[in-house]
Amino acid sequence: MKPTGLVADAIRDVTRHGDLVLDLFLGSGTTLMAATRRGVRGRRRRDRPRPSTW
């Protein structure tokens, strides 16, 4: 898990209030928590890997 404060600082540096942050990896949800803390909308998407066809 990444420190929420660190991620929130990064989001603050590159977004404005009301922007959208997309988290494609959705691990523990730190990015979405940090986005909410900063007043930025957050969306997630995590596709399940397809079974190997090897």
PDB file of N, CA and C in Angstrom:
ATOM      1  N   MET A   1       0.841  -1.180   0.000  1.00  0.00           N
ATOM      2  CA  MET A   1       0.000   0.000   0.000  1.00  0.00           C
ATOM      3  C   MET A   1       0.887   1.246   0.000  1.00  0.00           C
ATOM      4  N   LYS A   2       0.566   2.162  -0.883  1.00  0.00           N
ATOM      5  CA  LYS A   2       1.311   3.417  -0.960  1.00  0.00           C
ATOM      6  C   LYS A   2       0.784   4.383   0.109  1.00  0.00           C
ATOM      7  N   PRO A   3       1.618   5.284   0.620  1.00  0.00           N
ATOM      8  CA  PRO A   3       1.133   6.280   1.579  1.00  0.00           C
ATOM      9  C   PRO A   3       0.129   7.226   0.907  1.00  0.00           C
ATOM     10  N   THR A   4      -1.045   7.349   1.498  1.00  0.00           N
ATOM     11  CA  THR A   4      -2.106   8.163   0.904  1.00  0.00           C
ATOM     12  C   THR A   4      -1.664   9.610   0.730  1.00  0.00           C
ATOM     13  N   GLY A   5      -0.940  10.143   1.702  1.00  0.00           N
ATOM     14  CA  GLY A   5      -0.479  11.529   1.613  1.00  0.00           C
ATOM     15  C   GLY A   5       0.436  11.770   0.426  1.00  0.00           C
ATOM     16  N   LEU A   6       1.293  10.823   0.138  1.00  0.00           N
ATOM     17  CA  LEU A   6       2.208  10.935  -1.003  1.00  0.00           C
ATOM     18  C   LEU A   6       1.440  10.962  -2.319  1.00  0.00           C
ATOM     19  N   VAL A   7       0.466  10.074  -2.436  1.00  0.00           N
ATOM     20  CA  VAL A   7      -0.347  10.023  -3.654  1.00  0.00           C
ATOM     21  C   VAL A   7      -1.200  11.279  -3.769  1.00  0.00           C
ATOM     22  N   ALA A   8      -1.749  11.751  -2.653  1.00  0.00           N
ATOM     23  CA  ALA A   8      -2.569  12.969  -2.660  1.00  0.00           C
ATOM     24  C   ALA A   8      -1.748  14.171  -3.127  1.00  0.00           C
ATOM     25  N   ASP A   9      -0.504  14.249  -2.697  1.00  0.00           N
ATOM     26  CA  ASP A   9       0.370  15.342  -3.149  1.00  0.00           C
ATOM     27  C   ASP A   9       0.597  15.275  -4.654  1.00  0.00           C
ATOM     28  N   ALA A  10       0.817  14.074  -5.184  1.00  0.00           N
ATOM     29  CA  ALA A  10       1.020  13.919  -6.624  1.00  0.00           C
ATOM     30  C   ALA A  10      -0.240  14.306  -7.390  1.00  0.00           C
ATOM     31  N   ILE A  11      -1.384  13.905  -6.899  1.00  0.00           N
ATOM     32  CA  ILE A  11      -2.648  14.256  -7.557  1.00  0.00           C
ATOM     33  C   ILE A  11      -2.853  15.766  -7.526  1.00  0.00           C
ATOM     34  N   ARG A  12      -2.537  16.389  -6.404  1.00  0.00           N
ATOM     35  CA  ARG A  12      -2.666  17.850  -6.287  1.00  0.00           C
ATOM     36  C   ARG A  12      -1.786  18.566  -7.316  1.00  0.00           C
ATOM     37  N   ASP A  13      -0.608  18.030  -7.559  1.00  0.00           N
ATOM     38  CA  ASP A  13       0.339  18.677  -8.466  1.00  0.00           C
ATOM     39  C   ASP A  13      -0.102  18.644  -9.930  1.00  0.00           C
ATOM     40  N   VAL A  14      -0.929  17.676 -10.302  1.00  0.00           N
ATOM     41  CA  VAL A  14      -1.255  17.519 -11.731  1.00  0.00           C
ATOM     42  C   VAL A  14      -2.740  17.635 -12.063  1.00  0.00           C
ATOM     43  N   THR A  15      -3.584  17.932 -11.065  1.00  0.00           N
ATOM     44  CA  THR A  15      -5.022  18.033 -11.332  1.00  0.00           C
ATOM     45  C   THR A  15      -5.582  19.318 -10.758  1.00  0.00           C
ATOM     46  N   ARG A  16      -6.804  19.616 -11.184  1.00  0.00           N
ATOM     47  CA  ARG A  16      -7.576  20.716 -10.612  1.00  0.00           C
ATOM     48  C   ARG A  16      -8.837  20.130  -9.981  1.00  0.00           C
ATOM     49  N   HIS A  17      -9.448  20.876  -9.087  1.00  0.00           N
ATOM     50  CA  HIS A  17     -10.679  20.428  -8.436  1.00  0.00           C
ATOM     51  C   HIS A  17     -11.704  20.027  -9.497  1.00  0.00           C
ATOM     52  N   GLY A  18     -12.271  18.839  -9.356  1.00  0.00           N
ATOM     53  CA  GLY A  18     -13.275  18.350 -10.296  1.00  0.00           C
ATOM     54  C   GLY A  18     -12.734  17.516 -11.439  1.00  0.00           C
ATOM     55  N   ASP A  19     -11.402  17.453 -11.588  1.00  0.00           N
ATOM     56  CA  ASP A  19     -10.816  16.600 -12.627  1.00  0.00           C
ATOM     57  C   ASP A  19     -11.110  15.131 -12.335  1.00  0.00           C
ATOM     58  N   LEU A  20     -10.732  14.273 -13.252  1.00  0.00           N
ATOM     59  CA  LEU A  20     -10.960  12.841 -13.125  1.00  0.00           C
ATOM     60  C   LEU A  20      -9.629  12.101 -13.085  1.00  0.00           C
ATOM     61  N   VAL A  21      -9.461  11.234 -12.094  1.00  0.00           N
ATOM     62  CA  VAL A  21      -8.285  10.379 -11.983  1.00  0.00           C
ATOM     63  C   VAL A  21      -8.734   8.956 -12.278  1.00  0.00           C
ATOM     64  N   LEU A  22      -8.041   8.290 -13.173  1.00  0.00           N
ATOM     65  CA  LEU A  22      -8.367   6.918 -13.548  1.00  0.00           C
ATOM     66  C   LEU A  22      -7.307   5.980 -12.983  1.00  0.00           C
ATOM     67  N   ASP A  23      -7.746   5.028 -12.184  1.00  0.00           N
ATOM     68  CA  ASP A  23      -6.844   4.037 -11.592  1.00  0.00           C
ATOM     69  C   ASP A  23      -7.077   2.709 -12.295  1.00  0.00           C
ATOM     70  N   LEU A  24      -6.155   2.326 -13.149  1.00  0.00           N
ATOM     71  CA  LEU A  24      -6.313   1.104 -13.938  1.00  0.00           C
ATOM     72  C   LEU A  24      -5.854  -0.154 -13.204  1.00  0.00           C
ATOM     73  N   PHE A  25      -5.154  -0.007 -12.099  1.00  0.00           N
ATOM     74  CA  PHE A  25      -4.588  -1.173 -11.434  1.00  0.00           C
ATOM     75  C   PHE A  25      -5.311  -1.537 -10.142  1.00  0.00           C
ATOM     76  N   LEU A  26      -5.954  -0.600  -9.506  1.00  0.00           N
ATOM     77  CA  LEU A  26      -6.821  -0.813  -8.348  1.00  0.00           C
ATOM     78  C   LEU A  26      -6.307  -1.873  -7.388  1.00  0.00           C
ATOM     79  N   GLY A  27      -5.273  -1.516  -6.691  1.00  0.00           N
ATOM     80  CA  GLY A  27      -4.758  -2.421  -5.674  1.00  0.00           C
ATOM     81  C   GLY A  27      -5.549  -2.252  -4.396  1.00  0.00           C
ATOM     82  N   SER A  28      -5.037  -1.453  -3.477  1.00  0.00           N
ATOM     83  CA  SER A  28      -5.692  -1.266  -2.186  1.00  0.00           C
ATOM     84  C   SER A  28      -6.639  -0.065  -2.172  1.00  0.00           C
ATOM     85  N   GLY A  29      -6.693   0.689  -3.256  1.00  0.00           N
ATOM     86  CA  GLY A  29      -7.606   1.829  -3.329  1.00  0.00           C
ATOM     87  C   GLY A  29      -7.005   3.140  -2.878  1.00  0.00           C
ATOM     88  N   THR A  30      -5.696   3.172  -2.667  1.00  0.00           N
ATOM     89  CA  THR A  30      -5.028   4.383  -2.188  1.00  0.00           C
ATOM     90  C   THR A  30      -5.248   5.560  -3.127  1.00  0.00           C
ATOM     91  N   THR A  31      -5.148   5.333  -4.422  1.00  0.00           N
ATOM     92  CA  THR A  31      -5.298   6.422  -5.393  1.00  0.00           C
ATOM     93  C   THR A  31      -6.687   7.030  -5.313  1.00  0.00           C
ATOM     94  N   LEU A  32      -7.704   6.198  -5.200  1.00  0.00           N
ATOM     95  CA  LEU A  32      -9.077   6.715  -5.132  1.00  0.00           C
ATOM     96  C   LEU A  32      -9.324   7.449  -3.822  1.00  0.00           C
ATOM     97  N   MET A  33      -8.768   6.960  -2.723  1.00  0.00           N
ATOM     98  CA  MET A  33      -8.898   7.666  -1.442  1.00  0.00           C
ATOM     99  C   MET A  33      -8.214   9.031  -1.509  1.00  0.00           C
ATOM    100  N   ALA A  34      -7.039   9.074  -2.109  1.00  0.00           N
ATOM    101  CA  ALA A  34      -6.305  10.333  -2.230  1.00  0.00           C
ATOM    102  C   ALA A  34      -7.037  11.305  -3.139  1.00  0.00           C
ATOM    103  N   ALA A  35      -7.625  10.804  -4.212  1.00  0.00           N
ATOM    104  CA  ALA A  35      -8.380  11.669  -5.125  1.00  0.00           C
ATOM    105  C   ALA A  35      -9.564  12.283  -4.400  1.00  0.00           C
ATOM    106  N   THR A  36     -10.281  11.495  -3.646  1.00  0.00           N
ATOM    107  CA  THR A  36     -11.424  11.999  -2.891  1.00  0.00           C
ATOM    108  C   THR A  36     -10.983  13.051  -1.890  1.00  0.00           C
ATOM    109  N   ARG A  37      -9.872  12.808  -1.245  1.00  0.00           N
ATOM    110  CA  ARG A  37      -9.337  13.765  -0.264  1.00  0.00           C
ATOM    111  C   ARG A  37      -9.036  15.116  -0.922  1.00  0.00           C
ATOM    112  N   ARG A  38      -8.623  15.090  -2.175  1.00  0.00           N
ATOM    113  CA  ARG A  38      -8.255  16.314  -2.893  1.00  0.00           C
ATOM    114  C   ARG A  38      -9.413  16.934  -3.677  1.00  0.00           C
ATOM    115  N   GLY A  39     -10.601  16.356  -3.603  1.00  0.00           N
ATOM    116  CA  GLY A  39     -11.742  16.919  -4.321  1.00  0.00           C
ATOM    117  C   GLY A  39     -11.733  16.598  -5.802  1.00  0.00           C
ATOM    118  N   VAL A  40     -11.087  15.491  -6.152  1.00  0.00           N
ATOM    119  CA  VAL A  40     -10.979  15.063  -7.540  1.00  0.00           C
ATOM    120  C   VAL A  40     -11.787  13.773  -7.681  1.00  0.00           C
ATOM    121  N   ARG A  41     -12.500  13.646  -8.770  1.00  0.00           N
ATOM    122  CA  ARG A  41     -13.268  12.420  -9.006  1.00  0.00           C
ATOM    123  C   ARG A  41     -12.312  11.276  -9.326  1.00  0.00           C
ATOM    124  N   GLY A  42     -12.647  10.110  -8.872  1.00  0.00           N
ATOM    125  CA  GLY A  42     -11.813   8.944  -9.137  1.00  0.00           C
ATOM    126  C   GLY A  42     -12.633   7.810  -9.720  1.00  0.00           C
ATOM    127  N   ARG A  43     -12.082   7.146 -10.694  1.00  0.00           N
ATOM    128  CA  ARG A  43     -12.724   5.975 -11.299  1.00  0.00           C
ATOM    129  C   ARG A  43     -11.709   4.855 -11.326  1.00  0.00           C
ATOM    130  N   ARG A  44     -12.210   3.641 -11.275  1.00  0.00           N
ATOM    131  CA  ARG A  44     -11.318   2.486 -11.280  1.00  0.00           C
ATOM    132  C   ARG A  44     -11.733   1.515 -12.378  1.00  0.00           C
ATOM    133  N   ARG A  45     -10.784   0.733 -12.797  1.00  0.00           N
ATOM    134  CA  ARG A  45     -11.063  -0.329 -13.753  1.00  0.00           C
ATOM    135  C   ARG A  45      -9.972  -1.368 -13.605  1.00  0.00           C
ATOM    136  N   ARG A  46     -10.393  -2.553 -13.347  1.00  0.00           N
ATOM    137  CA  ARG A  46      -9.421  -3.635 -13.227  1.00  0.00           C
ATOM    138  C   ARG A  46      -9.999  -4.831 -13.963  1.00  0.00           C
ATOM    139  N   ASP A  47      -9.424  -5.113 -15.088  1.00  0.00           N
ATOM    140  CA  ASP A  47      -9.855  -6.266 -15.854  1.00  0.00           C
ATOM    141  C   ASP A  47      -9.197  -7.513 -15.297  1.00  0.00           C
ATOM    142  N   ARG A  48      -9.937  -8.570 -15.299  1.00  0.00           N
ATOM    143  CA  ARG A  48      -9.352  -9.842 -14.907  1.00  0.00           C
ATOM    144  C   ARG A  48      -8.495 -10.359 -16.060  1.00  0.00           C
ATOM    145  N   PRO A  49      -7.319 -10.858 -15.735  1.00  0.00           N
ATOM    146  CA  PRO A  49      -6.488 -11.394 -16.822  1.00  0.00           C
ATOM    147  C   PRO A  49      -7.155 -12.588 -17.483  1.00  0.00           C
ATOM    148  N   ARG A  50      -6.996 -12.675 -18.758  1.00  0.00           N
ATOM    149  CA  ARG A  50      -7.556 -13.816 -19.494  1.00  0.00           C
ATOM    150  C   ARG A  50      -6.722 -15.061 -19.226  1.00  0.00           C
ATOM    151  N   PRO A  51      -7.371 -16.209 -19.194  1.00  0.00           N
ATOM    152  CA  PRO A  51      -6.605 -17.453 -18.998  1.00  0.00           C
ATOM    153  C   PRO A  51      -5.589 -17.632 -20.123  1.00  0.00           C
ATOM    154  N   SER A  52      -4.479 -18.182 -19.772  1.00  0.00           N
ATOM    155  CA  SER A  52      -3.427 -18.422 -20.765  1.00  0.00           C
ATOM    156  C   SER A  52      -3.875 -19.463 -21.785  1.00  0.00           C
ATOM    157  N   THR A  53      -3.559 -19.209 -23.032  1.00  0.00           N
ATOM    158  CA  THR A  53      -3.916 -20.154 -24.094  1.00  0.00           C
ATOM    159  C   THR A  53      -2.673 -20.851 -24.648  1.00  0.00           C
ATOM    160  N   TRP A  54      -1.609 -20.835 -23.876  1.00  0.00           N
ATOM    161  CA  TRP A  54      -0.357 -21.443 -24.335  1.00  0.00           C
ATOM    162  C   TRP A  54      -0.471 -22.910 -24.406  1.00  0.00           C
TER     163      TRP A  54
END
